Amino acid sequence: MPPSATESLFGAVGEAHAALRRALDGMDYCLDWRPQPGEWSAREVVSHLLSQGRALNQAALQAPHGDPGTVEFPKSGPRLTPERREQDLPELLAELDRFAAETASLLADLLKQRPQLAERVAAEYQGHWQEHIRQLSQTRLSLGL
């Protein structure tokens, strides 16, 4: 039986996580390099995705019942914490992996209880992460990776 639209969307979220890991491959030495003044470094992109993602998960958990289209998801900048400024690439990847596992668990729970909200959260992740994966891909090209 072919996967449902929801299963496909969740698969896309997992693929976005894998694509993000691939985009960061080999960037250990240049996590703080910026392609242009004012553009984000790879570390800032990861920090943003983690802080934004945790805020999104929290908003989904606290969302009132009703139309999931009315739930407002927060937006944020990179939010580099002192700890994250010091993390090397393996530590950042481990944090991304923990976050991905937390998010998969949240989506599975939401799917059982509030499938429309689960689909909206998954779509938000998939679209947002793809945007930043493209950004990291451009950074990789600039670095010759």
N, C-alpha and C. Protein backbone atom coordinates (compact mmCIF):
# COMPACT_ATOMS: atom_id res chain seq x y z
N MET A 1 0.85 -1.18 0.00
CA MET A 1 0.00 0.00 0.00
C MET A 1 0.90 1.24 0.00
N PRO A 2 0.60 2.24 -0.85
CA PRO A 2 1.42 3.45 -0.89
C PRO A 2 1.29 4.25 0.41
N PRO A 3 2.33 5.00 0.75
CA PRO A 3 2.26 5.78 2.00
C PRO A 3 1.20 6.88 1.89
N SER A 4 0.62 7.22 3.03
CA SER A 4 -0.35 8.31 3.07
C SER A 4 0.39 9.63 2.91
N ALA A 5 -0.38 10.68 2.68
CA ALA A 5 0.23 12.01 2.56
C ALA A 5 0.98 12.37 3.83
N THR A 6 0.41 12.00 4.98
CA THR A 6 1.05 12.30 6.26
C THR A 6 2.35 11.53 6.40
N GLU A 7 2.33 10.24 6.07
CA GLU A 7 3.55 9.44 6.15
C GLU A 7 4.63 9.99 5.22
N SER A 8 4.22 10.43 4.03
CA SER A 8 5.17 11.01 3.09
C SER A 8 5.78 12.30 3.64
N LEU A 9 4.94 13.11 4.28
CA LEU A 9 5.42 14.35 4.86
C LEU A 9 6.41 14.08 5.98
N PHE A 10 6.10 13.10 6.84
CA PHE A 10 7.01 12.75 7.92
C PHE A 10 8.32 12.19 7.36
N GLY A 11 8.22 11.44 6.27
CA GLY A 11 9.42 10.96 5.61
C GLY A 11 10.26 12.11 5.09
N ALA A 12 9.60 13.14 4.59
CA ALA A 12 10.30 14.33 4.10
C ALA A 12 11.00 15.05 5.24
N VAL A 13 10.41 15.06 6.42
CA VAL A 13 11.05 15.68 7.58
C VAL A 13 12.33 14.91 7.92
N GLY A 14 12.25 13.58 7.91
CA GLY A 14 13.43 12.77 8.17
C GLY A 14 14.50 12.99 7.12
N GLU A 15 14.10 13.12 5.87
CA GLU A 15 15.05 13.38 4.80
C GLU A 15 15.68 14.76 4.95
N ALA A 16 14.91 15.74 5.42
CA ALA A 16 15.45 17.08 5.64
C ALA A 16 16.55 17.02 6.71
N HIS A 17 16.33 16.24 7.76
CA HIS A 17 17.35 16.08 8.80
C HIS A 17 18.61 15.45 8.21
N ALA A 18 18.44 14.41 7.41
CA ALA A 18 19.58 13.75 6.79
C ALA A 18 20.30 14.70 5.82
N ALA A 19 19.53 15.49 5.08
CA ALA A 19 20.12 16.45 4.14
C ALA A 19 20.90 17.54 4.88
N LEU A 20 20.39 17.94 6.03
CA LEU A 20 21.11 18.94 6.83
C LEU A 20 22.44 18.38 7.31
N ARG A 21 22.43 17.14 7.76
CA ARG A 21 23.69 16.50 8.19
C ARG A 21 24.67 16.45 7.01
N ARG A 22 24.18 16.10 5.82
CA ARG A 22 25.06 16.04 4.64
C ARG A 22 25.61 17.42 4.30
N ALA A 23 24.76 18.45 4.42
CA ALA A 23 25.20 19.81 4.10
C ALA A 23 26.29 20.29 5.05
N LEU A 24 26.30 19.77 6.27
CA LEU A 24 27.30 20.17 7.26
C LEU A 24 28.58 19.33 7.19
N ASP A 25 28.55 18.25 6.42
CA ASP A 25 29.69 17.35 6.33
C ASP A 25 30.93 18.10 5.85
N GLY A 26 32.02 17.97 6.60
CA GLY A 26 33.28 18.59 6.23
C GLY A 26 33.40 20.06 6.59
N MET A 27 32.43 20.60 7.30
CA MET A 27 32.46 22.02 7.63
C MET A 27 33.03 22.29 9.02
N ASP A 28 33.70 21.29 9.62
CA ASP A 28 34.22 21.46 10.98
C ASP A 28 35.12 22.68 11.11
N TYR A 29 35.94 22.92 10.11
CA TYR A 29 36.92 24.00 10.19
C TYR A 29 36.34 25.39 9.86
N CYS A 30 35.10 25.43 9.37
CA CYS A 30 34.58 26.71 8.90
C CYS A 30 33.17 27.00 9.41
N LEU A 31 32.85 26.49 10.58
CA LEU A 31 31.50 26.68 11.13
C LEU A 31 31.14 28.16 11.31
N ASP A 32 32.14 29.00 11.52
CA ASP A 32 31.86 30.41 11.79
C ASP A 32 32.13 31.32 10.60
N TRP A 33 32.46 30.73 9.46
CA TRP A 33 32.73 31.51 8.26
C TRP A 33 31.42 32.01 7.67
N ARG A 34 31.40 33.25 7.24
CA ARG A 34 30.22 33.86 6.61
C ARG A 34 30.51 34.11 5.13
N PRO A 35 29.59 33.70 4.26
CA PRO A 35 29.81 33.92 2.83
C PRO A 35 29.90 35.41 2.47
N GLN A 36 29.13 36.23 3.14
CA GLN A 36 29.10 37.68 2.93
C GLN A 36 28.84 38.33 4.28
N PRO A 37 29.26 39.57 4.45
CA PRO A 37 28.90 40.27 5.70
C PRO A 37 27.38 40.30 5.87
N GLY A 38 26.94 39.99 7.07
CA GLY A 38 25.51 40.00 7.36
C GLY A 38 24.81 38.67 7.10
N GLU A 39 25.47 37.75 6.37
CA GLU A 39 24.88 36.43 6.16
C GLU A 39 25.27 35.52 7.32
N TRP A 40 24.47 34.49 7.52
CA TRP A 40 24.69 33.59 8.65
C TRP A 40 25.78 32.57 8.34
N SER A 41 26.53 32.24 9.39
CA SER A 41 27.50 31.15 9.31
C SER A 41 26.74 29.83 9.47
N ALA A 42 27.43 28.73 9.20
CA ALA A 42 26.82 27.41 9.39
C ALA A 42 26.41 27.21 10.85
N ARG A 43 27.24 27.66 11.78
CA ARG A 43 26.90 27.53 13.20
C ARG A 43 25.61 28.31 13.52
N GLU A 44 25.48 29.49 12.95
CA GLU A 44 24.28 30.29 13.19
C GLU A 44 23.05 29.64 12.58
N VAL A 45 23.20 29.02 11.42
CA VAL A 45 22.08 28.32 10.80
C VAL A 45 21.62 27.18 11.70
N VAL A 46 22.56 26.37 12.17
CA VAL A 46 22.21 25.25 13.04
C VAL A 46 21.58 25.76 14.34
N SER A 47 22.16 26.78 14.91
CA SER A 47 21.63 27.35 16.15
C SER A 47 20.20 27.84 15.94
N HIS A 48 19.97 28.51 14.82
CA HIS A 48 18.63 28.99 14.49
C HIS A 48 17.65 27.83 14.35
N LEU A 49 18.04 26.80 13.61
CA LEU A 49 17.13 25.67 13.41
C LEU A 49 16.81 24.99 14.73
N LEU A 50 17.77 24.87 15.62
CA LEU A 50 17.52 24.25 16.92
C LEU A 50 16.62 25.12 17.80
N SER A 51 16.93 26.41 17.90
CA SER A 51 16.11 27.26 18.76
C SER A 51 14.72 27.45 18.18
N GLN A 52 14.64 27.65 16.88
CA GLN A 52 13.33 27.80 16.21
C GLN A 52 12.54 26.50 16.32
N GLY A 53 13.22 25.40 16.12
CA GLY A 53 12.55 24.10 16.19
C GLY A 53 12.00 23.80 17.57
N ARG A 54 12.77 24.09 18.59
CA ARG A 54 12.28 23.85 19.96
C ARG A 54 11.09 24.76 20.27
N ALA A 55 11.14 25.99 19.79
CA ALA A 55 10.01 26.91 19.99
C ALA A 55 8.78 26.41 19.23
N LEU A 56 8.99 25.89 18.04
CA LEU A 56 7.90 25.33 17.24
C LEU A 56 7.28 24.12 17.94
N ASN A 57 8.12 23.24 18.46
CA ASN A 57 7.60 22.07 19.18
C ASN A 57 6.78 22.51 20.39
N GLN A 58 7.28 23.49 21.12
CA GLN A 58 6.56 23.98 22.30
C GLN A 58 5.23 24.60 21.90
N ALA A 59 5.22 25.37 20.82
CA ALA A 59 3.97 25.98 20.35
C ALA A 59 2.97 24.91 19.95
N ALA A 60 3.44 23.84 19.32
CA ALA A 60 2.55 22.76 18.92
C ALA A 60 1.96 22.06 20.14
N LEU A 61 2.78 21.85 21.17
CA LEU A 61 2.29 21.21 22.39
C LEU A 61 1.26 22.06 23.11
N GLN A 62 1.41 23.37 23.02
CA GLN A 62 0.52 24.28 23.73
C GLN A 62 -0.64 24.77 22.86
N ALA A 63 -0.70 24.34 21.63
CA ALA A 63 -1.72 24.83 20.70
C ALA A 63 -3.12 24.44 21.19
N PRO A 64 -4.04 25.40 21.17
CA PRO A 64 -5.41 25.07 21.55
C PRO A 64 -6.03 24.16 20.49
N HIS A 65 -7.00 23.38 20.91
CA HIS A 65 -7.72 22.55 19.94
C HIS A 65 -8.53 23.45 19.03
N GLY A 66 -8.79 23.00 17.87
CA GLY A 66 -9.51 23.79 16.89
C GLY A 66 -8.76 23.75 15.58
N ASP A 67 -8.93 24.77 14.79
CA ASP A 67 -8.31 24.84 13.48
C ASP A 67 -6.79 25.01 13.61
N PRO A 68 -5.99 24.01 13.16
CA PRO A 68 -4.54 24.13 13.28
C PRO A 68 -3.97 25.25 12.43
N GLY A 69 -4.73 25.71 11.46
CA GLY A 69 -4.28 26.81 10.62
C GLY A 69 -4.16 28.12 11.37
N THR A 70 -4.81 28.20 12.53
CA THR A 70 -4.76 29.45 13.30
C THR A 70 -3.60 29.48 14.30
N VAL A 71 -2.90 28.37 14.46
CA VAL A 71 -1.77 28.32 15.40
C VAL A 71 -0.63 29.14 14.81
N GLU A 72 -0.10 30.05 15.63
CA GLU A 72 1.04 30.86 15.18
C GLU A 72 2.33 30.23 15.69
N PHE A 73 3.23 29.99 14.75
CA PHE A 73 4.52 29.43 15.12
C PHE A 73 5.52 30.58 15.22
N PRO A 74 6.36 30.56 16.26
CA PRO A 74 7.31 31.65 16.46
C PRO A 74 8.41 31.67 15.41
N LYS A 75 8.98 32.83 15.20
CA LYS A 75 10.12 33.01 14.30
C LYS A 75 11.26 33.59 15.13
N SER A 76 12.49 33.22 14.80
CA SER A 76 13.62 33.73 15.58
C SER A 76 14.87 33.81 14.71
N GLY A 77 15.85 34.51 15.23
CA GLY A 77 17.16 34.57 14.60
C GLY A 77 18.03 33.44 15.10
N PRO A 78 19.35 33.56 14.94
CA PRO A 78 20.24 32.44 15.29
C PRO A 78 20.29 32.08 16.77
N ARG A 79 20.17 33.03 17.67
CA ARG A 79 20.22 32.76 19.11
C ARG A 79 21.40 31.87 19.50
N LEU A 80 22.57 32.38 19.27
CA LEU A 80 23.78 31.64 19.64
C LEU A 80 23.99 31.75 21.15
N THR A 81 23.86 30.63 21.82
CA THR A 81 24.14 30.60 23.25
C THR A 81 25.65 30.47 23.45
N PRO A 82 26.14 30.83 24.63
CA PRO A 82 27.58 30.66 24.88
C PRO A 82 28.03 29.20 24.68
N GLU A 83 27.18 28.26 25.08
CA GLU A 83 27.54 26.84 24.92
C GLU A 83 27.63 26.47 23.44
N ARG A 84 26.67 26.96 22.66
CA ARG A 84 26.65 26.60 21.25
C ARG A 84 27.81 27.25 20.50
N ARG A 85 28.27 28.40 20.95
CA ARG A 85 29.43 29.05 20.33
C ARG A 85 30.68 28.18 20.45
N GLU A 86 30.73 27.36 21.50
CA GLU A 86 31.91 26.54 21.77
C GLU A 86 31.82 25.13 21.21
N GLN A 87 30.65 24.71 20.75
CA GLN A 87 30.48 23.33 20.27
C GLN A 87 31.22 23.12 18.96
N ASP A 88 31.82 21.94 18.84
CA ASP A 88 32.42 21.58 17.56
C ASP A 88 31.34 20.87 16.73
N LEU A 89 31.69 20.53 15.50
CA LEU A 89 30.69 19.95 14.60
C LEU A 89 30.08 18.66 15.14
N PRO A 90 30.86 17.71 15.67
CA PRO A 90 30.24 16.50 16.21
C PRO A 90 29.24 16.79 17.33
N GLU A 91 29.54 17.78 18.16
CA GLU A 91 28.59 18.14 19.23
C GLU A 91 27.33 18.77 18.67
N LEU A 92 27.47 19.61 17.66
CA LEU A 92 26.28 20.21 17.03
C LEU A 92 25.43 19.14 16.34
N LEU A 93 26.10 18.20 15.68
CA LEU A 93 25.36 17.12 15.02
C LEU A 93 24.63 16.24 16.04
N ALA A 94 25.28 15.98 17.17
CA ALA A 94 24.62 15.19 18.22
C ALA A 94 23.39 15.93 18.75
N GLU A 95 23.51 17.24 18.90
CA GLU A 95 22.35 18.01 19.35
C GLU A 95 21.24 17.99 18.30
N LEU A 96 21.61 18.08 17.03
CA LEU A 96 20.61 17.98 15.95
C LEU A 96 19.93 16.61 15.97
N ASP A 97 20.71 15.57 16.20
CA ASP A 97 20.13 14.22 16.25
C ASP A 97 19.16 14.07 17.41
N ARG A 98 19.52 14.60 18.58
CA ARG A 98 18.60 14.54 19.73
C ARG A 98 17.32 15.31 19.42
N PHE A 99 17.48 16.48 18.81
CA PHE A 99 16.32 17.28 18.45
C PHE A 99 15.44 16.54 17.44
N ALA A 100 16.05 15.91 16.46
CA ALA A 100 15.28 15.17 15.45
C ALA A 100 14.49 14.03 16.10
N ALA A 101 15.10 13.35 17.06
CA ALA A 101 14.40 12.27 17.76
C ALA A 101 13.23 12.81 18.59
N GLU A 102 13.46 13.94 19.27
CA GLU A 102 12.37 14.57 20.04
C GLU A 102 11.23 14.98 19.12
N THR A 103 11.57 15.53 17.98
CA THR A 103 10.56 16.00 17.04
C THR A 103 9.79 14.83 16.44
N ALA A 104 10.49 13.75 16.11
CA ALA A 104 9.81 12.57 15.58
C ALA A 104 8.82 12.03 16.59
N SER A 105 9.19 12.01 17.85
CA SER A 105 8.29 11.54 18.91
C SER A 105 7.08 12.46 19.03
N LEU A 106 7.33 13.77 19.01
CA LEU A 106 6.23 14.73 19.07
C LEU A 106 5.28 14.55 17.89
N LEU A 107 5.82 14.41 16.70
CA LEU A 107 4.97 14.25 15.52
C LEU A 107 4.16 12.96 15.58
N ALA A 108 4.77 11.90 16.08
CA ALA A 108 4.04 10.64 16.22
C ALA A 108 2.88 10.79 17.20
N ASP A 109 3.12 11.47 18.32
CA ASP A 109 2.05 11.70 19.29
C ASP A 109 0.96 12.60 18.71
N LEU A 110 1.38 13.66 18.04
CA LEU A 110 0.39 14.56 17.43
C LEU A 110 -0.43 13.85 16.36
N LEU A 111 0.22 12.97 15.61
CA LEU A 111 -0.48 12.25 14.55
C LEU A 111 -1.64 11.44 15.11
N LYS A 112 -1.45 10.86 16.29
CA LYS A 112 -2.50 10.07 16.93
C LYS A 112 -3.64 10.95 17.45
N GLN A 113 -3.27 12.12 17.99
CA GLN A 113 -4.25 12.95 18.68
C GLN A 113 -4.79 14.09 17.81
N ARG A 114 -3.93 14.68 17.01
CA ARG A 114 -4.31 15.86 16.24
C ARG A 114 -3.60 15.82 14.88
N PRO A 115 -4.08 14.95 14.00
CA PRO A 115 -3.36 14.73 12.74
C PRO A 115 -3.20 15.98 11.88
N GLN A 116 -4.18 16.87 11.87
CA GLN A 116 -4.03 18.07 11.05
C GLN A 116 -2.92 18.98 11.58
N LEU A 117 -2.82 19.07 12.89
CA LEU A 117 -1.74 19.86 13.48
C LEU A 117 -0.39 19.19 13.20
N ALA A 118 -0.34 17.87 13.29
CA ALA A 118 0.90 17.14 12.99
C ALA A 118 1.35 17.42 11.56
N GLU A 119 0.42 17.42 10.62
CA GLU A 119 0.76 17.70 9.23
C GLU A 119 1.28 19.12 9.07
N ARG A 120 0.67 20.06 9.77
CA ARG A 120 1.11 21.46 9.68
C ARG A 120 2.51 21.62 10.26
N VAL A 121 2.76 21.00 11.40
CA VAL A 121 4.09 21.08 12.02
C VAL A 121 5.13 20.45 11.09
N ALA A 122 4.83 19.28 10.55
CA ALA A 122 5.76 18.60 9.65
C ALA A 122 6.04 19.44 8.41
N ALA A 123 5.02 20.06 7.86
CA ALA A 123 5.20 20.90 6.68
C ALA A 123 6.05 22.12 7.01
N GLU A 124 5.85 22.68 8.20
CA GLU A 124 6.64 23.83 8.63
C GLU A 124 8.12 23.45 8.71
N TYR A 125 8.41 22.30 9.32
CA TYR A 125 9.79 21.84 9.41
C TYR A 125 10.38 21.61 8.03
N GLN A 126 9.68 20.86 7.24
CA GLN A 126 10.21 20.48 5.94
C GLN A 126 10.54 21.71 5.11
N GLY A 127 9.63 22.67 5.04
CA GLY A 127 9.88 23.87 4.26
C GLY A 127 10.99 24.73 4.82
N HIS A 128 10.98 24.92 6.13
CA HIS A 128 11.97 25.78 6.77
C HIS A 128 13.37 25.18 6.68
N TRP A 129 13.48 23.90 6.96
CA TRP A 129 14.79 23.26 6.92
C TRP A 129 15.34 23.26 5.50
N GLN A 130 14.48 23.00 4.49
CA GLN A 130 14.96 22.99 3.10
C GLN A 130 15.53 24.35 2.71
N GLU A 131 14.90 25.41 3.18
CA GLU A 131 15.39 26.77 2.91
C GLU A 131 16.83 26.93 3.43
N HIS A 132 17.08 26.46 4.64
CA HIS A 132 18.41 26.61 5.22
C HIS A 132 19.40 25.59 4.68
N ILE A 133 18.94 24.46 4.23
CA ILE A 133 19.83 23.49 3.57
C ILE A 133 20.33 24.10 2.26
N ARG A 134 19.45 24.79 1.54
CA ARG A 134 19.89 25.48 0.31
C ARG A 134 20.94 26.55 0.66
N GLN A 135 20.70 27.26 1.76
CA GLN A 135 21.66 28.28 2.21
C GLN A 135 23.02 27.64 2.50
N LEU A 136 23.03 26.52 3.20
CA LEU A 136 24.29 25.83 3.51
C LEU A 136 24.94 25.28 2.24
N SER A 137 24.14 24.86 1.28
CA SER A 137 24.69 24.37 0.03
C SER A 137 25.43 25.49 -0.71
N GLN A 138 24.88 26.70 -0.66
CA GLN A 138 25.56 27.84 -1.27
C GLN A 138 26.86 28.15 -0.52
N THR A 139 26.83 28.04 0.80
CA THR A 139 28.05 28.25 1.58
C THR A 139 29.10 27.22 1.20
N ARG A 140 28.69 25.97 1.04
CA ARG A 140 29.62 24.92 0.63
C ARG A 140 30.26 25.25 -0.72
N LEU A 141 29.44 25.73 -1.66
CA LEU A 141 29.97 26.10 -2.99
C LEU A 141 30.99 27.23 -2.85
N SER A 142 30.68 28.22 -2.03
CA SER A 142 31.60 29.34 -1.82
C SER A 142 32.93 28.88 -1.24
N LEU A 143 32.88 27.83 -0.41
CA LEU A 143 34.08 27.29 0.22
C LEU A 143 34.80 26.27 -0.66
N GLY A 144 34.18 25.88 -1.75
CA GLY A 144 34.77 24.86 -2.61
C GLY A 144 34.63 23.46 -2.07
N LEU A 145 33.62 23.22 -1.23
CA LEU A 145 33.41 21.87 -0.67
C LEU A 145 32.51 21.05 -1.57
